[in-house]
């Protein structure tokens, strides 16, 4: 789990440094993606 968080932070850093998106924009996109992934996993476990 810790490795995944580090990897996510590295990806966020890469995205913000190479685009015109703000760090807030990238974080919002990441949060939405994580939410969809969590819902998918929860749906599979039911």
N, C-alpha and C. Protein backbone atom coordinates (compact mmCIF):
# COMPACT_ATOMS: atom_id res chain seq x y z
N UNK A 1 0.82 -1.19 0.00
CA UNK A 1 0.00 0.00 0.00
C UNK A 1 0.87 1.25 0.00
N UNK A 2 1.92 1.26 0.78
CA UNK A 2 2.80 2.43 0.85
C UNK A 2 3.43 2.70 -0.51
N UNK A 3 3.85 1.64 -1.21
CA UNK A 3 4.44 1.79 -2.53
C UNK A 3 3.46 2.42 -3.50
N UNK A 4 2.18 2.04 -3.41
CA UNK A 4 1.17 2.61 -4.30
C UNK A 4 1.01 4.10 -4.07
N UNK A 5 1.07 4.54 -2.82
CA UNK A 5 0.94 5.97 -2.51
C UNK A 5 2.14 6.74 -3.05
N UNK A 6 3.33 6.19 -2.90
CA UNK A 6 4.53 6.84 -3.42
C UNK A 6 4.44 6.93 -4.94
N UNK A 7 4.03 5.84 -5.56
CA UNK A 7 3.89 5.83 -7.01
C UNK A 7 2.85 6.85 -7.46
N UNK A 8 1.75 6.96 -6.75
CA UNK A 8 0.70 7.93 -7.10
C UNK A 8 1.23 9.36 -6.97
N UNK A 9 2.00 9.63 -5.94
CA UNK A 9 2.57 10.96 -5.76
C UNK A 9 3.55 11.29 -6.88
N UNK A 10 4.33 10.31 -7.28
CA UNK A 10 5.28 10.52 -8.39
C UNK A 10 4.53 10.82 -9.68
N UNK A 11 3.44 10.11 -9.91
CA UNK A 11 2.63 10.34 -11.12
C UNK A 11 2.01 11.73 -11.07
N UNK A 12 1.47 12.12 -9.90
CA UNK A 12 0.89 13.46 -9.76
C UNK A 12 1.93 14.52 -10.05
N UNK A 13 3.13 14.34 -9.54
CA UNK A 13 4.20 15.29 -9.75
C UNK A 13 4.55 15.39 -11.24
N UNK A 14 4.63 14.25 -11.88
CA UNK A 14 4.95 14.22 -13.30
C UNK A 14 3.87 14.92 -14.13
N UNK A 15 2.61 14.65 -13.81
CA UNK A 15 1.51 15.27 -14.55
C UNK A 15 1.49 16.79 -14.38
N UNK A 16 1.71 17.25 -13.17
CA UNK A 16 1.66 18.70 -12.93
C UNK A 16 2.86 19.40 -13.53
N UNK A 17 3.99 18.76 -13.59
CA UNK A 17 5.18 19.42 -14.13
C UNK A 17 5.17 19.47 -15.66
N UNK A 18 4.41 18.60 -16.29
CA UNK A 18 4.42 18.53 -17.75
C UNK A 18 3.14 19.08 -18.38
N UNK A 19 2.28 19.70 -17.61
CA UNK A 19 1.03 20.18 -18.17
C UNK A 19 0.67 21.54 -17.58
N UNK A 20 -0.41 22.09 -18.09
CA UNK A 20 -0.90 23.35 -17.58
C UNK A 20 -1.90 23.16 -16.45
N UNK A 21 -2.16 21.90 -16.10
CA UNK A 21 -3.06 21.62 -14.99
C UNK A 21 -2.39 22.02 -13.68
N UNK A 22 -3.19 22.54 -12.78
CA UNK A 22 -2.66 22.86 -11.46
C UNK A 22 -2.58 21.58 -10.64
N UNK A 23 -1.85 21.64 -9.55
CA UNK A 23 -1.76 20.49 -8.66
C UNK A 23 -3.15 20.12 -8.14
N UNK A 24 -3.96 21.14 -7.87
CA UNK A 24 -5.34 20.90 -7.40
C UNK A 24 -6.15 20.15 -8.47
N UNK A 25 -6.02 20.54 -9.74
CA UNK A 25 -6.73 19.87 -10.83
C UNK A 25 -6.33 18.40 -10.91
N UNK A 26 -5.05 18.14 -10.84
CA UNK A 26 -4.55 16.77 -10.94
C UNK A 26 -5.03 15.94 -9.74
N UNK A 27 -5.03 16.55 -8.56
CA UNK A 27 -5.50 15.84 -7.37
C UNK A 27 -6.97 15.51 -7.50
N UNK A 28 -7.75 16.44 -8.03
CA UNK A 28 -9.18 16.19 -8.23
C UNK A 28 -9.40 15.03 -9.20
N UNK A 29 -8.63 15.00 -10.27
CA UNK A 29 -8.74 13.89 -11.22
C UNK A 29 -8.36 12.57 -10.56
N UNK A 30 -7.29 12.58 -9.77
CA UNK A 30 -6.86 11.37 -9.07
C UNK A 30 -7.93 10.89 -8.09
N UNK A 31 -8.53 11.84 -7.37
CA UNK A 31 -9.58 11.47 -6.42
C UNK A 31 -10.77 10.83 -7.12
N UNK A 32 -11.14 11.38 -8.25
CA UNK A 32 -12.27 10.81 -9.01
C UNK A 32 -11.94 9.41 -9.51
N UNK A 33 -10.72 9.25 -9.99
CA UNK A 33 -10.29 7.94 -10.48
C UNK A 33 -10.27 6.92 -9.34
N UNK A 34 -9.76 7.32 -8.19
CA UNK A 34 -9.73 6.43 -7.04
C UNK A 34 -11.13 6.05 -6.59
N UNK A 35 -12.04 7.01 -6.64
CA UNK A 35 -13.43 6.75 -6.25
C UNK A 35 -14.06 5.71 -7.18
N UNK A 36 -13.83 5.85 -8.48
CA UNK A 36 -14.38 4.87 -9.44
C UNK A 36 -13.77 3.49 -9.19
N UNK A 37 -12.47 3.46 -8.94
CA UNK A 37 -11.82 2.18 -8.67
C UNK A 37 -12.34 1.52 -7.42
N UNK A 38 -12.55 2.32 -6.38
CA UNK A 38 -13.08 1.78 -5.12
C UNK A 38 -14.47 1.23 -5.32
N UNK A 39 -15.31 1.94 -6.07
CA UNK A 39 -16.68 1.47 -6.32
C UNK A 39 -16.66 0.16 -7.11
N UNK A 40 -15.74 0.07 -8.07
CA UNK A 40 -15.63 -1.14 -8.87
C UNK A 40 -15.23 -2.32 -8.01
N UNK A 41 -14.24 -2.12 -7.13
CA UNK A 41 -13.79 -3.20 -6.25
C UNK A 41 -14.89 -3.59 -5.28
N UNK A 42 -15.59 -2.61 -4.72
CA UNK A 42 -16.69 -2.91 -3.80
C UNK A 42 -17.80 -3.68 -4.52
N UNK A 43 -18.07 -3.34 -5.76
CA UNK A 43 -19.09 -4.04 -6.53
C UNK A 43 -18.70 -5.48 -6.83
N UNK A 44 -17.42 -5.73 -7.04
CA UNK A 44 -16.94 -7.07 -7.32
C UNK A 44 -16.97 -7.96 -6.08
N UNK A 45 -16.84 -7.35 -4.91
CA UNK A 45 -16.78 -8.16 -3.69
C UNK A 45 -18.17 -8.49 -3.14
N UNK A 46 -19.20 -7.95 -3.74
CA UNK A 46 -20.57 -8.24 -3.26
C UNK A 46 -21.11 -9.50 -3.85
